[in-house]
């Protein structure tokens, strides 16, 4: 009894394609996932988030000239910048727009004593330690991380907050340092001699660059 070939001749071509195409397929999928994980869709960069009250930094900061520290009172002293209590909002809004429907959640919060539940815009994993006060007091401006928040009608995340983004600054802090009296100036422009100025500011503020990239600096 004669038997025909177990596999057709085209099976050789299929096998070769699988051997060559399999690794390429894995590489392509890996590259696609890598790009997706760093896309604005995943990081939600520049995506305004819904809030209980559509608070506009553009109106309050650029329009009215309110300083960051008026609402974020602990930014110079604490790891957390602080969120304003409803009483802070009502300092003005008990007189201005006091009956506006859009501010009803603020009035309800004030009357009930229950804080507004704001949607967090910037969030870090529990294993990442970030201290606002050390950055502010060493000459890192608000806009370095938060962007031109004074131009945002609704607050959005300005930076992806990847570790490599933080490390770029920690490796070369002189590129982002500014005089401490300019930290809260959101329109500050770095001068042409920033590299030279930044190095002098690093010395003045006792910034030890060799320790800035130690794992323990951010992971505690």
C-alpha atoms as a PDB file:
ATOM      1  CA  UNK A   1       0.000   0.000   0.000  1.00  0.00           C
ATOM      2  CA  UNK A   2       1.372   3.414  -0.956  1.00  0.00           C
ATOM      3  CA  UNK A   3       0.816   6.510   1.076  1.00  0.00           C
ATOM      4  CA  UNK A   4       0.889  10.060  -0.178  1.00  0.00           C
ATOM      5  CA  UNK A   5       2.977  12.796   1.428  1.00  0.00           C
ATOM      6  CA  UNK A   6       1.790  13.736   4.915  1.00  0.00           C
ATOM      7  CA  UNK A   7       2.080  17.453   4.197  1.00  0.00           C
ATOM      8  CA  UNK A   8       1.438  19.302   0.993  1.00  0.00           C
ATOM      9  CA  UNK A   9       4.325  21.139  -0.636  1.00  0.00           C
ATOM     10  CA  UNK A  10       2.964  24.514   0.429  1.00  0.00           C
ATOM     11  CA  UNK A  11       3.427  23.514   4.083  1.00  0.00           C
ATOM     12  CA  UNK A  12       7.134  24.307   3.683  1.00  0.00           C
ATOM     13  CA  UNK A  13       6.285  27.870   2.758  1.00  0.00           C
ATOM     14  CA  UNK A  14       3.893  28.188   5.674  1.00  0.00           C
ATOM     15  CA  UNK A  15       6.545  26.872   8.068  1.00  0.00           C
ATOM     16  CA  UNK A  16       9.141  29.331   6.783  1.00  0.00           C
ATOM     17  CA  UNK A  17       6.679  32.215   7.085  1.00  0.00           C
ATOM     18  CA  UNK A  18       5.834  31.196  10.647  1.00  0.00           C
ATOM     19  CA  UNK A  19       9.503  30.941  11.624  1.00  0.00           C
ATOM     20  CA  UNK A  20      10.357  34.326  10.135  1.00  0.00           C
ATOM     21  CA  UNK A  21       7.073  36.092  10.774  1.00  0.00           C
ATOM     22  CA  UNK A  22       6.547  34.930  14.361  1.00  0.00           C
ATOM     23  CA  UNK A  23       9.397  36.980  15.883  1.00  0.00           C
ATOM     24  CA  UNK A  24       8.495  39.949  13.692  1.00  0.00           C
ATOM     25  CA  UNK A  25       4.899  39.730  14.893  1.00  0.00           C
ATOM     26  CA  UNK A  26       6.025  39.654  18.535  1.00  0.00           C
ATOM     27  CA  UNK A  27       8.305  42.658  17.957  1.00  0.00           C
ATOM     28  CA  UNK A  28       5.508  44.581  16.229  1.00  0.00           C
ATOM     29  CA  UNK A  29       3.033  43.879  19.043  1.00  0.00           C
ATOM     30  CA  UNK A  30       5.622  44.861  21.664  1.00  0.00           C
ATOM     31  CA  UNK A  31       6.379  48.104  19.830  1.00  0.00           C
ATOM     32  CA  UNK A  32       2.678  48.897  19.534  1.00  0.00           C
ATOM     33  CA  UNK A  33       2.113  48.297  23.246  1.00  0.00           C
ATOM     34  CA  UNK A  34       5.181  50.394  24.111  1.00  0.00           C
ATOM     35  CA  UNK A  35       3.903  53.283  21.989  1.00  0.00           C
ATOM     36  CA  UNK A  36       0.383  52.971  23.400  1.00  0.00           C
ATOM     37  CA  UNK A  37       1.632  53.027  26.980  1.00  0.00           C
ATOM     38  CA  UNK A  38       3.402  56.313  26.250  1.00  0.00           C
ATOM     39  CA  UNK A  39       0.615  57.899  24.292  1.00  0.00           C
ATOM     40  CA  UNK A  40      -1.520  60.778  25.521  1.00  0.00           C
ATOM     41  CA  UNK A  41      -4.460  58.368  25.485  1.00  0.00           C
ATOM     42  CA  UNK A  42      -2.847  56.274  28.225  1.00  0.00           C
ATOM     43  CA  UNK A  43      -1.232  59.085  30.235  1.00  0.00           C
ATOM     44  CA  UNK A  44      -4.301  61.338  29.774  1.00  0.00           C
ATOM     45  CA  UNK A  45      -1.939  64.252  29.177  1.00  0.00           C
ATOM     46  CA  UNK A  46      -3.743  67.451  28.163  1.00  0.00           C
ATOM     47  CA  UNK A  47      -7.108  65.770  28.790  1.00  0.00           C
ATOM     48  CA  UNK A  48      -9.407  67.967  30.916  1.00  0.00           C
ATOM     49  CA  UNK A  49     -11.140  65.960  33.619  1.00  0.00           C
ATOM     50  CA  UNK A  50     -14.684  66.461  34.818  1.00  0.00           C
ATOM     51  CA  UNK A  51     -14.891  68.168  38.214  1.00  0.00           C
ATOM     52  CA  UNK A  52     -17.775  68.818  40.619  1.00  0.00           C
ATOM     53  CA  UNK A  53     -17.319  72.513  39.768  1.00  0.00           C
ATOM     54  CA  UNK A  54     -15.660  73.580  36.482  1.00  0.00           C
ATOM     55  CA  UNK A  55     -12.926  75.593  38.173  1.00  0.00           C
ATOM     56  CA  UNK A  56     -10.941  77.754  35.747  1.00  0.00           C
ATOM     57  CA  UNK A  57      -7.330  78.524  36.581  1.00  0.00           C
ATOM     58  CA  UNK A  58      -7.332  80.767  33.525  1.00  0.00           C
ATOM     59  CA  UNK A  59     -10.016  82.950  35.073  1.00  0.00           C
ATOM     60  CA  UNK A  60      -8.736  82.957  38.642  1.00  0.00           C
ATOM     61  CA  UNK A  61      -4.980  83.147  37.976  1.00  0.00           C
ATOM     62  CA  UNK A  62      -4.595  84.994  34.681  1.00  0.00           C
ATOM     63  CA  UNK A  63      -7.820  86.960  34.881  1.00  0.00           C
ATOM     64  CA  UNK A  64      -7.965  87.852  38.576  1.00  0.00           C
ATOM     65  CA  UNK A  65      -4.278  87.539  39.428  1.00  0.00           C
ATOM     66  CA  UNK A  66      -4.728  85.134  42.344  1.00  0.00           C
ATOM     67  CA  UNK A  67      -1.412  83.665  43.484  1.00  0.00           C
ATOM     68  CA  UNK A  68      -1.005  79.864  43.537  1.00  0.00           C
ATOM     69  CA  UNK A  69      -0.352  79.952  47.286  1.00  0.00           C
ATOM     70  CA  UNK A  70      -3.716  81.498  48.077  1.00  0.00           C
ATOM     71  CA  UNK A  71      -5.385  78.149  47.415  1.00  0.00           C
ATOM     72  CA  UNK A  72      -2.425  75.758  47.658  1.00  0.00           C
ATOM     73  CA  UNK A  73      -1.341  76.990  51.052  1.00  0.00           C
ATOM     74  CA  UNK A  74       1.079  74.215  52.028  1.00  0.00           C
ATOM     75  CA  UNK A  75       3.073  74.020  48.789  1.00  0.00           C
ATOM     76  CA  UNK A  76       6.140  75.692  50.335  1.00  0.00           C
ATOM     77  CA  UNK A  77       6.110  73.634  53.520  1.00  0.00           C
ATOM     78  CA  UNK A  78       4.713  70.209  52.747  1.00  0.00           C
ATOM     79  CA  UNK A  79       4.984  67.324  50.305  1.00  0.00           C
ATOM     80  CA  UNK A  80       1.351  67.960  49.408  1.00  0.00           C
ATOM     81  CA  UNK A  81       0.489  71.296  47.816  1.00  0.00           C
ATOM     82  CA  UNK A  82      -2.849  71.374  49.598  1.00  0.00           C
ATOM     83  CA  UNK A  83      -6.358  71.805  48.281  1.00  0.00           C
ATOM     84  CA  UNK A  84      -8.407  74.842  49.271  1.00  0.00           C
ATOM     85  CA  UNK A  85     -11.135  74.383  51.835  1.00  0.00           C
ATOM     86  CA  UNK A  86     -14.619  75.399  50.776  1.00  0.00           C
ATOM     87  CA  UNK A  87     -14.287  78.362  53.146  1.00  0.00           C
ATOM     88  CA  UNK A  88     -11.532  79.671  50.892  1.00  0.00           C
ATOM     89  CA  UNK A  89     -13.859  79.612  47.894  1.00  0.00           C
ATOM     90  CA  UNK A  90     -16.629  81.259  49.885  1.00  0.00           C
ATOM     91  CA  UNK A  91     -14.350  84.111  50.905  1.00  0.00           C
ATOM     92  CA  UNK A  92     -15.129  85.563  47.498  1.00  0.00           C
ATOM     93  CA  UNK A  93     -18.217  83.683  46.415  1.00  0.00           C
ATOM     94  CA  UNK A  94     -20.307  84.700  49.384  1.00  0.00           C
ATOM     95  CA  UNK A  95     -20.257  88.090  47.647  1.00  0.00           C
ATOM     96  CA  UNK A  96     -19.402  87.357  44.004  1.00  0.00           C
ATOM     97  CA  UNK A  97     -21.654  85.077  41.920  1.00  0.00           C
ATOM     98  CA  UNK A  98     -23.228  84.054  45.223  1.00  0.00           C
ATOM     99  CA  UNK A  99     -26.407  82.774  43.542  1.00  0.00           C
ATOM    100  CA  UNK A 100     -24.865  81.293  40.380  1.00  0.00           C
ATOM    101  CA  UNK A 101     -26.276  77.787  39.703  1.00  0.00           C
ATOM    102  CA  UNK A 102     -22.830  76.561  38.657  1.00  0.00           C
ATOM    103  CA  UNK A 103     -21.576  77.202  42.200  1.00  0.00           C
ATOM    104  CA  UNK A 104     -24.328  75.281  43.954  1.00  0.00           C
ATOM    105  CA  UNK A 105     -21.945  72.422  44.882  1.00  0.00           C
ATOM    106  CA  UNK A 106     -19.696  74.963  46.621  1.00  0.00           C
ATOM    107  CA  UNK A 107     -22.571  76.424  48.629  1.00  0.00           C
ATOM    108  CA  UNK A 108     -23.843  72.956  49.535  1.00  0.00           C
ATOM    109  CA  UNK A 109     -20.379  71.939  50.685  1.00  0.00           C
ATOM    110  CA  UNK A 110     -20.104  75.051  52.828  1.00  0.00           C
ATOM    111  CA  UNK A 111     -23.499  74.495  54.431  1.00  0.00           C
ATOM    112  CA  UNK A 112     -23.048  70.777  55.061  1.00  0.00           C
ATOM    113  CA  UNK A 113     -19.396  70.893  56.064  1.00  0.00           C
ATOM    114  CA  UNK A 114     -18.598  68.083  53.609  1.00  0.00           C
ATOM    115  CA  UNK A 115     -15.607  68.721  51.372  1.00  0.00           C
ATOM    116  CA  UNK A 116     -16.000  68.783  47.620  1.00  0.00           C
ATOM    117  CA  UNK A 117     -14.754  65.584  45.978  1.00  0.00           C
ATOM    118  CA  UNK A 118     -12.411  66.937  43.335  1.00  0.00           C
ATOM    119  CA  UNK A 119     -11.135  64.600  40.630  1.00  0.00           C
ATOM    120  CA  UNK A 120      -7.400  64.119  41.055  1.00  0.00           C
ATOM    121  CA  UNK A 121      -5.500  65.343  37.995  1.00  0.00           C
ATOM    122  CA  UNK A 122      -1.982  64.257  38.970  1.00  0.00           C
ATOM    123  CA  UNK A 123      -1.580  60.845  40.522  1.00  0.00           C
ATOM    124  CA  UNK A 124       1.599  58.932  41.381  1.00  0.00           C
ATOM    125  CA  UNK A 125       1.944  55.286  42.427  1.00  0.00           C
ATOM    126  CA  UNK A 126       2.272  54.605  46.152  1.00  0.00           C
ATOM    127  CA  UNK A 127       5.930  53.653  45.686  1.00  0.00           C
ATOM    128  CA  UNK A 128       6.827  57.089  44.300  1.00  0.00           C
ATOM    129  CA  UNK A 129       7.619  59.875  46.754  1.00  0.00           C
ATOM    130  CA  UNK A 130       7.277  63.465  45.590  1.00  0.00           C
ATOM    131  CA  UNK A 131       7.707  66.527  47.788  1.00  0.00           C
ATOM    132  CA  UNK A 132       6.350  69.832  46.512  1.00  0.00           C
ATOM    133  CA  UNK A 133       8.176  71.902  49.108  1.00  0.00           C
ATOM    134  CA  UNK A 134      11.695  70.722  48.250  1.00  0.00           C
ATOM    135  CA  UNK A 135      11.167  71.472  44.557  1.00  0.00           C
ATOM    136  CA  UNK A 136       9.620  74.877  45.158  1.00  0.00           C
ATOM    137  CA  UNK A 137      12.285  75.937  47.653  1.00  0.00           C
ATOM    138  CA  UNK A 138      15.099  74.819  45.358  1.00  0.00           C
ATOM    139  CA  UNK A 139      13.852  76.902  42.446  1.00  0.00           C
ATOM    140  CA  UNK A 140      11.628  74.601  40.366  1.00  0.00           C
ATOM    141  CA  UNK A 141       8.695  76.592  39.047  1.00  0.00           C
ATOM    142  CA  UNK A 142       5.096  75.424  39.106  1.00  0.00           C
ATOM    143  CA  UNK A 143       4.982  75.555  35.309  1.00  0.00           C
ATOM    144  CA  UNK A 144       7.827  73.039  34.996  1.00  0.00           C
ATOM    145  CA  UNK A 145       5.414  70.263  35.982  1.00  0.00           C
ATOM    146  CA  UNK A 146       1.976  71.851  35.658  1.00  0.00           C
ATOM    147  CA  UNK A 147       2.553  73.767  32.425  1.00  0.00           C
ATOM    148  CA  UNK A 148       0.825  77.062  31.744  1.00  0.00           C
ATOM    149  CA  UNK A 149      -2.003  76.249  34.104  1.00  0.00           C
ATOM    150  CA  UNK A 150      -2.972  79.925  34.043  1.00  0.00           C
ATOM    151  CA  UNK A 151      -4.124  79.313  30.461  1.00  0.00           C
ATOM    152  CA  UNK A 152      -6.300  76.287  31.269  1.00  0.00           C
ATOM    153  CA  UNK A 153     -10.057  76.859  31.508  1.00  0.00           C
ATOM    154  CA  UNK A 154     -10.282  73.320  32.935  1.00  0.00           C
ATOM    155  CA  UNK A 155      -7.251  71.736  34.585  1.00  0.00           C
ATOM    156  CA  UNK A 156      -5.438  69.019  32.654  1.00  0.00           C
ATOM    157  CA  UNK A 157      -2.227  67.107  33.247  1.00  0.00           C
ATOM    158  CA  UNK A 158       0.622  68.822  31.398  1.00  0.00           C
ATOM    159  CA  UNK A 159       3.368  66.183  31.716  1.00  0.00           C
ATOM    160  CA  UNK A 160       3.317  62.383  31.398  1.00  0.00           C
ATOM    161  CA  UNK A 161       5.202  61.903  34.710  1.00  0.00           C
ATOM    162  CA  UNK A 162       7.279  59.008  33.388  1.00  0.00           C
ATOM    163  CA  UNK A 163      10.351  58.165  35.438  1.00  0.00           C
ATOM    164  CA  UNK A 164      12.626  59.106  32.558  1.00  0.00           C
ATOM    165  CA  UNK A 165      11.007  62.558  32.477  1.00  0.00           C
ATOM    166  CA  UNK A 166      11.823  63.043  36.165  1.00  0.00           C
ATOM    167  CA  UNK A 167      15.335  61.677  35.667  1.00  0.00           C
ATOM    168  CA  UNK A 168      16.025  64.072  32.806  1.00  0.00           C
ATOM    169  CA  UNK A 169      15.511  66.928  35.249  1.00  0.00           C
ATOM    170  CA  UNK A 170      17.393  65.245  38.080  1.00  0.00           C
ATOM    171  CA  UNK A 171      20.383  64.603  35.826  1.00  0.00           C
ATOM    172  CA  UNK A 172      20.480  68.199  34.627  1.00  0.00           C
ATOM    173  CA  UNK A 173      18.678  70.348  37.218  1.00  0.00           C
ATOM    174  CA  UNK A 174      20.425  73.486  35.995  1.00  0.00           C
ATOM    175  CA  UNK A 175      18.186  73.459  32.915  1.00  0.00           C
ATOM    176  CA  UNK A 176      15.063  74.016  35.012  1.00  0.00           C
ATOM    177  CA  UNK A 177      16.210  76.076  37.985  1.00  0.00           C
ATOM    178  CA  UNK A 178      15.055  79.652  38.363  1.00  0.00           C
ATOM    179  CA  UNK A 179      15.384  82.285  41.101  1.00  0.00           C
ATOM    180  CA  UNK A 180      13.085  81.394  43.989  1.00  0.00           C
ATOM    181  CA  UNK A 181      11.217  84.687  43.615  1.00  0.00           C
ATOM    182  CA  UNK A 182      10.173  83.513  40.138  1.00  0.00           C
ATOM    183  CA  UNK A 183       8.904  80.060  41.134  1.00  0.00           C
ATOM    184  CA  UNK A 184       5.249  81.120  41.069  1.00  0.00           C
ATOM    185  CA  UNK A 185       5.617  83.259  37.954  1.00  0.00           C
ATOM    186  CA  UNK A 186       3.898  81.071  35.381  1.00  0.00           C
ATOM    187  CA  UNK A 187       4.991  83.338  32.520  1.00  0.00           C
ATOM    188  CA  UNK A 188       8.690  83.200  33.465  1.00  0.00           C
ATOM    189  CA  UNK A 189      11.056  82.896  30.500  1.00  0.00           C
ATOM    190  CA  UNK A 190      14.405  81.181  30.929  1.00  0.00           C
ATOM    191  CA  UNK A 191      17.264  83.499  29.901  1.00  0.00           C
ATOM    192  CA  UNK A 192      19.747  82.729  27.151  1.00  0.00           C
ATOM    193  CA  UNK A 193      22.435  82.031  29.753  1.00  0.00           C
ATOM    194  CA  UNK A 194      20.240  79.500  31.583  1.00  0.00           C
ATOM    195  CA  UNK A 195      22.987  76.859  31.718  1.00  0.00           C
ATOM    196  CA  UNK A 196      25.328  79.256  33.514  1.00  0.00           C
ATOM    197  CA  UNK A 197      22.587  80.726  35.709  1.00  0.00           C
ATOM    198  CA  UNK A 198      21.254  77.273  36.579  1.00  0.00           C
ATOM    199  CA  UNK A 199      24.655  76.060  37.748  1.00  0.00           C
ATOM    200  CA  UNK A 200      25.080  79.094  39.997  1.00  0.00           C
ATOM    201  CA  UNK A 201      21.576  78.562  41.407  1.00  0.00           C
ATOM    202  CA  UNK A 202      22.368  74.906  42.066  1.00  0.00           C
ATOM    203  CA  UNK A 203      25.369  75.966  44.153  1.00  0.00           C
ATOM    204  CA  UNK A 204      23.369  78.660  45.935  1.00  0.00           C
ATOM    205  CA  UNK A 205      20.570  76.235  46.835  1.00  0.00           C
ATOM    206  CA  UNK A 206      22.994  73.459  47.883  1.00  0.00           C
ATOM    207  CA  UNK A 207      21.742  70.984  45.309  1.00  0.00           C
ATOM    208  CA  UNK A 208      23.845  67.809  45.445  1.00  0.00           C
ATOM    209  CA  UNK A 209      23.423  66.479  41.926  1.00  0.00           C
ATOM    210  CA  UNK A 210      25.170  63.156  42.574  1.00  0.00           C
ATOM    211  CA  UNK A 211      22.344  62.071  44.898  1.00  0.00           C
ATOM    212  CA  UNK A 212      19.435  63.164  42.735  1.00  0.00           C
ATOM    213  CA  UNK A 213      19.359  59.951  40.705  1.00  0.00           C
ATOM    214  CA  UNK A 214      19.675  57.555  43.650  1.00  0.00           C
ATOM    215  CA  UNK A 215      16.731  55.156  43.772  1.00  0.00           C
ATOM    216  CA  UNK A 216      15.959  56.118  47.381  1.00  0.00           C
ATOM    217  CA  UNK A 217      15.447  59.739  46.402  1.00  0.00           C
ATOM    218  CA  UNK A 218      12.048  58.945  44.879  1.00  0.00           C
ATOM    219  CA  UNK A 219      11.323  55.349  45.921  1.00  0.00           C
ATOM    220  CA  UNK A 220      10.933  54.985  49.679  1.00  0.00           C
END
